[in-house]
Amino acid sequence: MLVALPKRLLAGGGNGAQQIAAWWQEVETAASSNHLPRARRFLRWILVCCPEDEEAWLWMARLASNQDAKLIYLRQAYSFHPDSARVRAALRQARSQQLALAVGELRGGSSVLRCFPDERRSGNGNGKPRGAGRITASLR
């Protein structure tokens, strides 16, 4: 993750704790006004200064632009805080969402079977679809 920090922090100007608190304020303001890229930028600055900050990793996951990024951030949080109930719960929920998305994609794929010609759909005059007897016989 390549992050450009403000020059005043790199030069050591000001109190680091005050700067991080100001960035948190910016994160909350940007997130509440739905400026997610801006919020993520401030979170990245926080994580450069405090790479083990559990709250920052959870926020990054919450504001992630996609499911894959969300899982990456949560795995990073887990690597620093494997005993955290919050991190484990968020990771469990993200994996569950990922599974639900994958299952949803599989359900959409069942329409592929309908695109093949099916002779059973056209009737043969006796009220039964053509080939019905052959299918049951082949299943025995």
N, C-alpha and C. Protein backbone atom coordinates (compact mmCIF):
# COMPACT_ATOMS: atom_id res chain seq x y z
N MET A 1 0.86 -1.15 0.00
CA MET A 1 0.00 0.00 0.00
C MET A 1 0.92 1.23 0.00
N LEU A 2 0.86 2.01 -1.07
CA LEU A 2 1.66 3.22 -1.20
C LEU A 2 0.85 4.39 -0.68
N VAL A 3 1.41 5.09 0.30
CA VAL A 3 0.69 6.19 0.94
C VAL A 3 1.59 7.40 1.00
N ALA A 4 1.06 8.53 0.57
CA ALA A 4 1.80 9.79 0.69
C ALA A 4 1.30 10.53 1.92
N LEU A 5 2.18 10.70 2.88
CA LEU A 5 1.81 11.41 4.10
C LEU A 5 2.02 12.90 3.92
N PRO A 6 1.25 13.69 4.63
CA PRO A 6 1.46 15.14 4.59
C PRO A 6 2.88 15.49 5.07
N LYS A 7 3.50 16.49 4.43
CA LYS A 7 4.88 16.87 4.75
C LYS A 7 5.05 17.30 6.20
N ARG A 8 4.05 17.96 6.77
CA ARG A 8 4.20 18.44 8.15
C ARG A 8 4.35 17.29 9.14
N LEU A 9 3.76 16.11 8.83
CA LEU A 9 3.93 14.98 9.74
C LEU A 9 5.32 14.39 9.56
N LEU A 10 5.78 14.29 8.31
CA LEU A 10 7.10 13.74 8.06
C LEU A 10 8.19 14.62 8.66
N ALA A 11 7.96 15.94 8.68
CA ALA A 11 8.94 16.86 9.24
C ALA A 11 8.91 16.87 10.77
N GLY A 12 7.93 16.18 11.36
CA GLY A 12 7.85 16.12 12.81
C GLY A 12 7.10 17.29 13.41
N GLY A 13 6.43 18.08 12.58
CA GLY A 13 5.71 19.23 13.10
C GLY A 13 4.46 18.80 13.85
N GLY A 14 4.24 19.36 15.02
CA GLY A 14 3.03 19.08 15.78
C GLY A 14 3.12 17.77 16.54
N ASN A 15 2.10 17.55 17.33
CA ASN A 15 2.00 16.36 18.15
C ASN A 15 1.38 15.24 17.31
N GLY A 16 2.05 14.10 17.26
CA GLY A 16 1.57 12.97 16.46
C GLY A 16 0.20 12.48 16.88
N ALA A 17 -0.05 12.44 18.19
CA ALA A 17 -1.36 11.99 18.69
C ALA A 17 -2.47 12.95 18.28
N GLN A 18 -2.16 14.25 18.31
CA GLN A 18 -3.16 15.23 17.87
C GLN A 18 -3.44 15.09 16.38
N GLN A 19 -2.39 14.82 15.60
CA GLN A 19 -2.55 14.66 14.16
C GLN A 19 -3.43 13.45 13.85
N ILE A 20 -3.19 12.35 14.53
CA ILE A 20 -3.98 11.14 14.31
C ILE A 20 -5.43 11.37 14.73
N ALA A 21 -5.64 12.08 15.82
CA ALA A 21 -7.00 12.41 16.25
C ALA A 21 -7.70 13.27 15.20
N ALA A 22 -6.96 14.19 14.61
CA ALA A 22 -7.54 15.05 13.55
C ALA A 22 -7.89 14.21 12.33
N TRP A 23 -7.05 13.22 12.01
CA TRP A 23 -7.34 12.35 10.87
C TRP A 23 -8.58 11.52 11.14
N TRP A 24 -8.73 11.04 12.39
CA TRP A 24 -9.94 10.28 12.73
C TRP A 24 -11.17 11.15 12.53
N GLN A 25 -11.06 12.40 12.93
CA GLN A 25 -12.18 13.33 12.73
C GLN A 25 -12.50 13.45 11.24
N GLU A 26 -11.47 13.53 10.41
CA GLU A 26 -11.66 13.61 8.96
C GLU A 26 -12.30 12.33 8.42
N VAL A 27 -11.88 11.19 8.95
CA VAL A 27 -12.47 9.90 8.53
C VAL A 27 -13.97 9.91 8.81
N GLU A 28 -14.34 10.27 10.02
CA GLU A 28 -15.75 10.26 10.40
C GLU A 28 -16.56 11.26 9.58
N THR A 29 -16.00 12.44 9.34
CA THR A 29 -16.69 13.45 8.54
C THR A 29 -16.87 12.98 7.10
N ALA A 30 -15.80 12.47 6.51
CA ALA A 30 -15.86 12.00 5.12
C ALA A 30 -16.81 10.82 4.98
N ALA A 31 -16.76 9.89 5.91
CA ALA A 31 -17.64 8.71 5.83
C ALA A 31 -19.10 9.11 5.99
N SER A 32 -19.38 10.03 6.90
CA SER A 32 -20.78 10.43 7.11
C SER A 32 -21.33 11.20 5.93
N SER A 33 -20.47 11.87 5.17
CA SER A 33 -20.94 12.57 3.97
C SER A 33 -20.71 11.75 2.70
N ASN A 34 -20.44 10.45 2.88
CA ASN A 34 -20.32 9.47 1.79
C ASN A 34 -19.16 9.78 0.83
N HIS A 35 -18.09 10.38 1.33
CA HIS A 35 -16.86 10.59 0.56
C HIS A 35 -15.88 9.48 0.94
N LEU A 36 -16.20 8.26 0.51
CA LEU A 36 -15.46 7.09 0.97
C LEU A 36 -13.99 7.09 0.54
N PRO A 37 -13.65 7.49 -0.69
CA PRO A 37 -12.21 7.51 -1.02
C PRO A 37 -11.41 8.43 -0.10
N ARG A 38 -11.99 9.57 0.26
CA ARG A 38 -11.32 10.50 1.17
C ARG A 38 -11.17 9.86 2.56
N ALA A 39 -12.21 9.21 3.03
CA ALA A 39 -12.14 8.54 4.33
C ALA A 39 -11.07 7.45 4.32
N ARG A 40 -11.01 6.67 3.24
CA ARG A 40 -10.00 5.62 3.15
C ARG A 40 -8.58 6.20 3.12
N ARG A 41 -8.41 7.36 2.47
CA ARG A 41 -7.10 7.99 2.43
C ARG A 41 -6.62 8.35 3.84
N PHE A 42 -7.50 8.94 4.64
CA PHE A 42 -7.12 9.28 6.01
C PHE A 42 -6.86 8.03 6.84
N LEU A 43 -7.63 6.99 6.61
CA LEU A 43 -7.38 5.73 7.32
C LEU A 43 -6.02 5.15 6.96
N ARG A 44 -5.66 5.25 5.69
CA ARG A 44 -4.33 4.75 5.30
C ARG A 44 -3.23 5.54 6.00
N TRP A 45 -3.40 6.85 6.17
CA TRP A 45 -2.42 7.65 6.88
C TRP A 45 -2.32 7.19 8.33
N ILE A 46 -3.47 6.93 8.94
CA ILE A 46 -3.49 6.44 10.32
C ILE A 46 -2.74 5.11 10.42
N LEU A 47 -2.98 4.23 9.45
CA LEU A 47 -2.37 2.90 9.49
C LEU A 47 -0.86 2.95 9.22
N VAL A 48 -0.40 3.95 8.50
CA VAL A 48 1.04 4.10 8.32
C VAL A 48 1.68 4.43 9.67
N CYS A 49 1.03 5.29 10.44
CA CYS A 49 1.56 5.68 11.75
C CYS A 49 1.31 4.63 12.82
N CYS A 50 0.19 3.94 12.73
CA CYS A 50 -0.21 2.94 13.74
C CYS A 50 -0.67 1.67 13.01
N PRO A 51 0.27 0.87 12.47
CA PRO A 51 -0.12 -0.27 11.63
C PRO A 51 -0.93 -1.35 12.35
N GLU A 52 -0.94 -1.36 13.67
CA GLU A 52 -1.69 -2.38 14.40
C GLU A 52 -3.02 -1.86 14.93
N ASP A 53 -3.45 -0.71 14.49
CA ASP A 53 -4.68 -0.10 14.99
C ASP A 53 -5.90 -0.91 14.54
N GLU A 54 -6.45 -1.65 15.48
CA GLU A 54 -7.60 -2.53 15.18
C GLU A 54 -8.79 -1.74 14.62
N GLU A 55 -9.09 -0.63 15.23
CA GLU A 55 -10.23 0.19 14.81
C GLU A 55 -10.06 0.68 13.37
N ALA A 56 -8.85 1.07 13.01
CA ALA A 56 -8.60 1.55 11.65
C ALA A 56 -8.77 0.44 10.63
N TRP A 57 -8.31 -0.77 10.95
CA TRP A 57 -8.49 -1.89 10.02
C TRP A 57 -9.97 -2.24 9.88
N LEU A 58 -10.70 -2.18 10.97
CA LEU A 58 -12.14 -2.47 10.89
C LEU A 58 -12.87 -1.41 10.06
N TRP A 59 -12.47 -0.15 10.22
CA TRP A 59 -13.06 0.91 9.41
C TRP A 59 -12.70 0.73 7.94
N MET A 60 -11.45 0.36 7.65
CA MET A 60 -11.05 0.12 6.26
C MET A 60 -11.93 -0.98 5.65
N ALA A 61 -12.17 -2.02 6.42
CA ALA A 61 -13.01 -3.11 5.92
C ALA A 61 -14.44 -2.62 5.71
N ARG A 62 -14.95 -1.84 6.63
CA ARG A 62 -16.32 -1.32 6.53
C ARG A 62 -16.49 -0.42 5.32
N LEU A 63 -15.44 0.34 4.99
CA LEU A 63 -15.51 1.29 3.88
C LEU A 63 -14.89 0.76 2.59
N ALA A 64 -14.57 -0.52 2.56
CA ALA A 64 -13.90 -1.11 1.39
C ALA A 64 -14.76 -0.96 0.13
N SER A 65 -14.06 -0.83 -0.99
CA SER A 65 -14.76 -0.63 -2.26
C SER A 65 -15.32 -1.93 -2.83
N ASN A 66 -14.83 -3.07 -2.35
CA ASN A 66 -15.36 -4.36 -2.82
C ASN A 66 -15.12 -5.45 -1.77
N GLN A 67 -15.72 -6.58 -2.00
CA GLN A 67 -15.67 -7.69 -1.03
C GLN A 67 -14.25 -8.23 -0.86
N ASP A 68 -13.48 -8.28 -1.94
CA ASP A 68 -12.11 -8.79 -1.83
C ASP A 68 -11.25 -7.89 -0.96
N ALA A 69 -11.37 -6.58 -1.16
CA ALA A 69 -10.62 -5.63 -0.33
C ALA A 69 -11.03 -5.74 1.13
N LYS A 70 -12.32 -5.91 1.35
CA LYS A 70 -12.83 -6.05 2.72
C LYS A 70 -12.17 -7.24 3.42
N LEU A 71 -12.08 -8.36 2.73
CA LEU A 71 -11.45 -9.54 3.32
C LEU A 71 -9.96 -9.33 3.57
N ILE A 72 -9.29 -8.62 2.68
CA ILE A 72 -7.87 -8.34 2.87
C ILE A 72 -7.67 -7.52 4.14
N TYR A 73 -8.47 -6.48 4.32
CA TYR A 73 -8.34 -5.63 5.51
C TYR A 73 -8.65 -6.41 6.78
N LEU A 74 -9.66 -7.25 6.73
CA LEU A 74 -10.02 -8.03 7.92
C LEU A 74 -8.96 -9.07 8.24
N ARG A 75 -8.35 -9.67 7.23
CA ARG A 75 -7.27 -10.62 7.49
C ARG A 75 -6.06 -9.91 8.12
N GLN A 76 -5.82 -8.69 7.65
CA GLN A 76 -4.72 -7.91 8.24
C GLN A 76 -5.02 -7.61 9.71
N ALA A 77 -6.26 -7.22 9.98
CA ALA A 77 -6.65 -6.96 11.37
C ALA A 77 -6.50 -8.23 12.20
N TYR A 78 -6.89 -9.36 11.63
CA TYR A 78 -6.78 -10.64 12.35
C TYR A 78 -5.31 -10.99 12.62
N SER A 79 -4.42 -10.66 11.68
CA SER A 79 -3.00 -10.97 11.90
C SER A 79 -2.45 -10.21 13.10
N PHE A 80 -2.97 -9.01 13.35
CA PHE A 80 -2.52 -8.24 14.51
C PHE A 80 -3.31 -8.57 15.78
N HIS A 81 -4.58 -8.95 15.61
CA HIS A 81 -5.48 -9.15 16.76
C HIS A 81 -6.27 -10.45 16.62
N PRO A 82 -5.59 -11.61 16.67
CA PRO A 82 -6.31 -12.88 16.49
C PRO A 82 -7.29 -13.20 17.61
N ASP A 83 -7.15 -12.57 18.76
CA ASP A 83 -8.05 -12.85 19.89
C ASP A 83 -9.21 -11.87 19.97
N SER A 84 -9.28 -10.93 19.05
CA SER A 84 -10.33 -9.92 19.09
C SER A 84 -11.67 -10.51 18.61
N ALA A 85 -12.66 -10.44 19.47
CA ALA A 85 -13.99 -10.94 19.10
C ALA A 85 -14.59 -10.11 17.98
N ARG A 86 -14.32 -8.81 17.98
CA ARG A 86 -14.85 -7.94 16.92
C ARG A 86 -14.26 -8.30 15.56
N VAL A 87 -12.97 -8.54 15.51
CA VAL A 87 -12.31 -8.88 14.26
C VAL A 87 -12.80 -10.24 13.77
N ARG A 88 -12.88 -11.21 14.67
CA ARG A 88 -13.36 -12.54 14.27
C ARG A 88 -14.79 -12.49 13.77
N ALA A 89 -15.65 -11.72 14.44
CA ALA A 89 -17.05 -11.61 14.01
C ALA A 89 -17.15 -10.93 12.64
N ALA A 90 -16.37 -9.88 12.43
CA ALA A 90 -16.39 -9.18 11.13
C ALA A 90 -15.87 -10.09 10.02
N LEU A 91 -14.83 -10.86 10.32
CA LEU A 91 -14.28 -11.79 9.33
C LEU A 91 -15.28 -12.89 9.01
N ARG A 92 -15.94 -13.41 10.03
CA ARG A 92 -16.97 -14.43 9.82
C ARG A 92 -18.11 -13.90 8.95
N GLN A 93 -18.55 -12.69 9.23
CA GLN A 93 -19.64 -12.08 8.46
C GLN A 93 -19.20 -11.83 7.01
N ALA A 94 -17.98 -11.36 6.81
CA ALA A 94 -17.50 -11.10 5.45
C ALA A 94 -17.39 -12.39 4.64
N ARG A 95 -16.93 -13.45 5.28
CA ARG A 95 -16.85 -14.74 4.58
C ARG A 95 -18.24 -15.26 4.25
N SER A 96 -19.17 -15.07 5.16
CA SER A 96 -20.55 -15.48 4.90
C SER A 96 -21.14 -14.70 3.72
N GLN A 97 -20.87 -13.40 3.66
CA GLN A 97 -21.33 -12.59 2.53
C GLN A 97 -20.69 -13.04 1.23
N GLN A 98 -19.40 -13.37 1.29
CA GLN A 98 -18.70 -13.85 0.11
C GLN A 98 -19.32 -15.16 -0.39
N LEU A 99 -19.64 -16.04 0.53
CA LEU A 99 -20.26 -17.31 0.17
C LEU A 99 -21.65 -17.07 -0.43
N ALA A 100 -22.42 -16.17 0.16
CA ALA A 100 -23.75 -15.87 -0.37
C ALA A 100 -23.67 -15.30 -1.78
N LEU A 101 -22.67 -14.46 -2.02
CA LEU A 101 -22.49 -13.91 -3.37
C LEU A 101 -22.13 -15.02 -4.36
N ALA A 102 -21.26 -15.93 -3.93
CA ALA A 102 -20.86 -17.03 -4.81
C ALA A 102 -22.03 -17.95 -5.12
N VAL A 103 -22.85 -18.23 -4.12
CA VAL A 103 -24.02 -19.08 -4.34
C VAL A 103 -25.00 -18.38 -5.27
N GLY A 104 -25.17 -17.08 -5.10
CA GLY A 104 -26.04 -16.32 -5.99
C GLY A 104 -25.57 -16.39 -7.43
N GLU A 105 -24.26 -16.35 -7.64
CA GLU A 105 -23.72 -16.47 -8.99
C GLU A 105 -23.98 -17.86 -9.56
N LEU A 106 -23.91 -18.89 -8.72
CA LEU A 106 -24.18 -20.25 -9.19
C LEU A 106 -25.65 -20.41 -9.57
N ARG A 107 -26.54 -19.81 -8.79
CA ARG A 107 -27.97 -19.90 -9.11
C ARG A 107 -28.26 -19.29 -10.47
N GLY A 108 -27.61 -18.20 -10.79
CA GLY A 108 -27.80 -17.57 -12.08
C GLY A 108 -27.31 -18.45 -13.21
N GLY A 109 -26.33 -19.31 -12.94
CA GLY A 109 -25.77 -20.19 -13.97
C GLY A 109 -26.69 -21.33 -14.36
N SER A 110 -27.74 -21.61 -13.59
CA SER A 110 -28.62 -22.72 -13.93
C SER A 110 -29.41 -22.44 -15.20
N SER A 111 -29.49 -21.20 -15.64
CA SER A 111 -30.21 -20.87 -16.86
C SER A 111 -29.49 -21.42 -18.08
N VAL A 112 -28.23 -21.81 -17.95
CA VAL A 112 -27.49 -22.37 -19.07
C VAL A 112 -28.17 -23.64 -19.56
N LEU A 113 -28.72 -24.42 -18.64
CA LEU A 113 -29.37 -25.67 -19.02
C LEU A 113 -30.60 -25.42 -19.90
N ARG A 114 -31.24 -24.29 -19.72
CA ARG A 114 -32.45 -24.00 -20.48
C ARG A 114 -32.16 -23.60 -21.92
N CYS A 115 -30.93 -23.31 -22.25
CA CYS A 115 -30.64 -22.85 -23.60
C CYS A 115 -30.46 -24.02 -24.57
N PHE A 116 -30.34 -25.25 -24.08
CA PHE A 116 -30.22 -26.39 -24.97
C PHE A 116 -31.60 -26.82 -25.47
N PRO A 117 -31.66 -27.29 -26.72
CA PRO A 117 -32.97 -27.75 -27.21
C PRO A 117 -33.45 -28.93 -26.38
N ASP A 118 -34.71 -28.93 -26.08
CA ASP A 118 -35.27 -29.98 -25.25
C ASP A 118 -36.47 -30.57 -25.97
N GLU A 119 -36.30 -31.76 -26.52
CA GLU A 119 -37.38 -32.38 -27.29
C GLU A 119 -38.57 -32.75 -26.41
N ARG A 120 -38.37 -32.81 -25.10
CA ARG A 120 -39.47 -33.20 -24.20
C ARG A 120 -40.52 -32.10 -24.10
N ARG A 121 -40.18 -30.88 -24.47
CA ARG A 121 -41.14 -29.79 -24.35
C ARG A 121 -42.24 -29.87 -25.40
N SER A 122 -41.95 -30.41 -26.55
CA SER A 122 -43.00 -30.52 -27.57
C SER A 122 -43.73 -31.84 -27.37
N GLY A 123 -45.04 -31.78 -27.37
CA GLY A 123 -45.85 -32.98 -27.09
C GLY A 123 -45.83 -33.95 -28.25
N ASN A 124 -46.15 -35.24 -27.99
CA ASN A 124 -46.20 -36.25 -29.03
C ASN A 124 -47.63 -36.70 -29.30
N GLY A 125 -48.60 -35.95 -28.83
CA GLY A 125 -50.00 -36.25 -29.13
C GLY A 125 -50.69 -37.04 -28.05
N ASN A 126 -49.98 -37.71 -27.14
CA ASN A 126 -50.64 -38.51 -26.12
C ASN A 126 -50.64 -37.81 -24.76
N GLY A 127 -50.32 -36.53 -24.75
CA GLY A 127 -50.35 -35.77 -23.50
C GLY A 127 -49.08 -35.85 -22.70
N LYS A 128 -48.19 -36.77 -23.09
CA LYS A 128 -46.91 -36.89 -22.39
C LYS A 128 -45.82 -36.24 -23.23
N PRO A 129 -44.89 -35.64 -22.60
CA PRO A 129 -43.77 -35.09 -23.36
C PRO A 129 -42.97 -36.22 -24.01
N ARG A 130 -42.42 -35.92 -25.19
CA ARG A 130 -41.59 -36.93 -25.86
C ARG A 130 -40.37 -37.26 -25.01
N GLY A 131 -40.00 -38.50 -24.96
CA GLY A 131 -38.81 -38.93 -24.26
C GLY A 131 -38.98 -39.13 -22.77
N ALA A 132 -40.18 -38.92 -22.23
CA ALA A 132 -40.36 -39.03 -20.79
C ALA A 132 -40.08 -40.45 -20.31
N GLY A 133 -40.51 -41.44 -21.06
CA GLY A 133 -40.27 -42.83 -20.67
C GLY A 133 -38.80 -43.18 -20.69
N ARG A 134 -38.09 -42.66 -21.67
CA ARG A 134 -36.66 -42.94 -21.74
C ARG A 134 -35.90 -42.35 -20.58
N ILE A 135 -36.33 -41.21 -20.13
CA ILE A 135 -35.61 -40.56 -19.03
C ILE A 135 -35.77 -41.36 -17.75
N THR A 136 -36.99 -41.75 -17.42
CA THR A 136 -37.18 -42.51 -16.20
C THR A 136 -36.49 -43.86 -16.30
N ALA A 137 -36.49 -44.46 -17.47
CA ALA A 137 -35.82 -45.74 -17.63
C ALA A 137 -34.32 -45.60 -17.47
N SER A 138 -33.77 -44.48 -17.94
CA SER A 138 -32.32 -44.31 -17.82
C SER A 138 -31.89 -43.97 -16.38
N LEU A 139 -32.83 -43.52 -15.57
CA LEU A 139 -32.49 -43.19 -14.20
C LEU A 139 -32.53 -44.40 -13.28
N ARG A 140 -33.08 -45.48 -13.72
CA ARG A 140 -33.16 -46.69 -12.87
C ARG A 140 -31.92 -47.50 -12.86
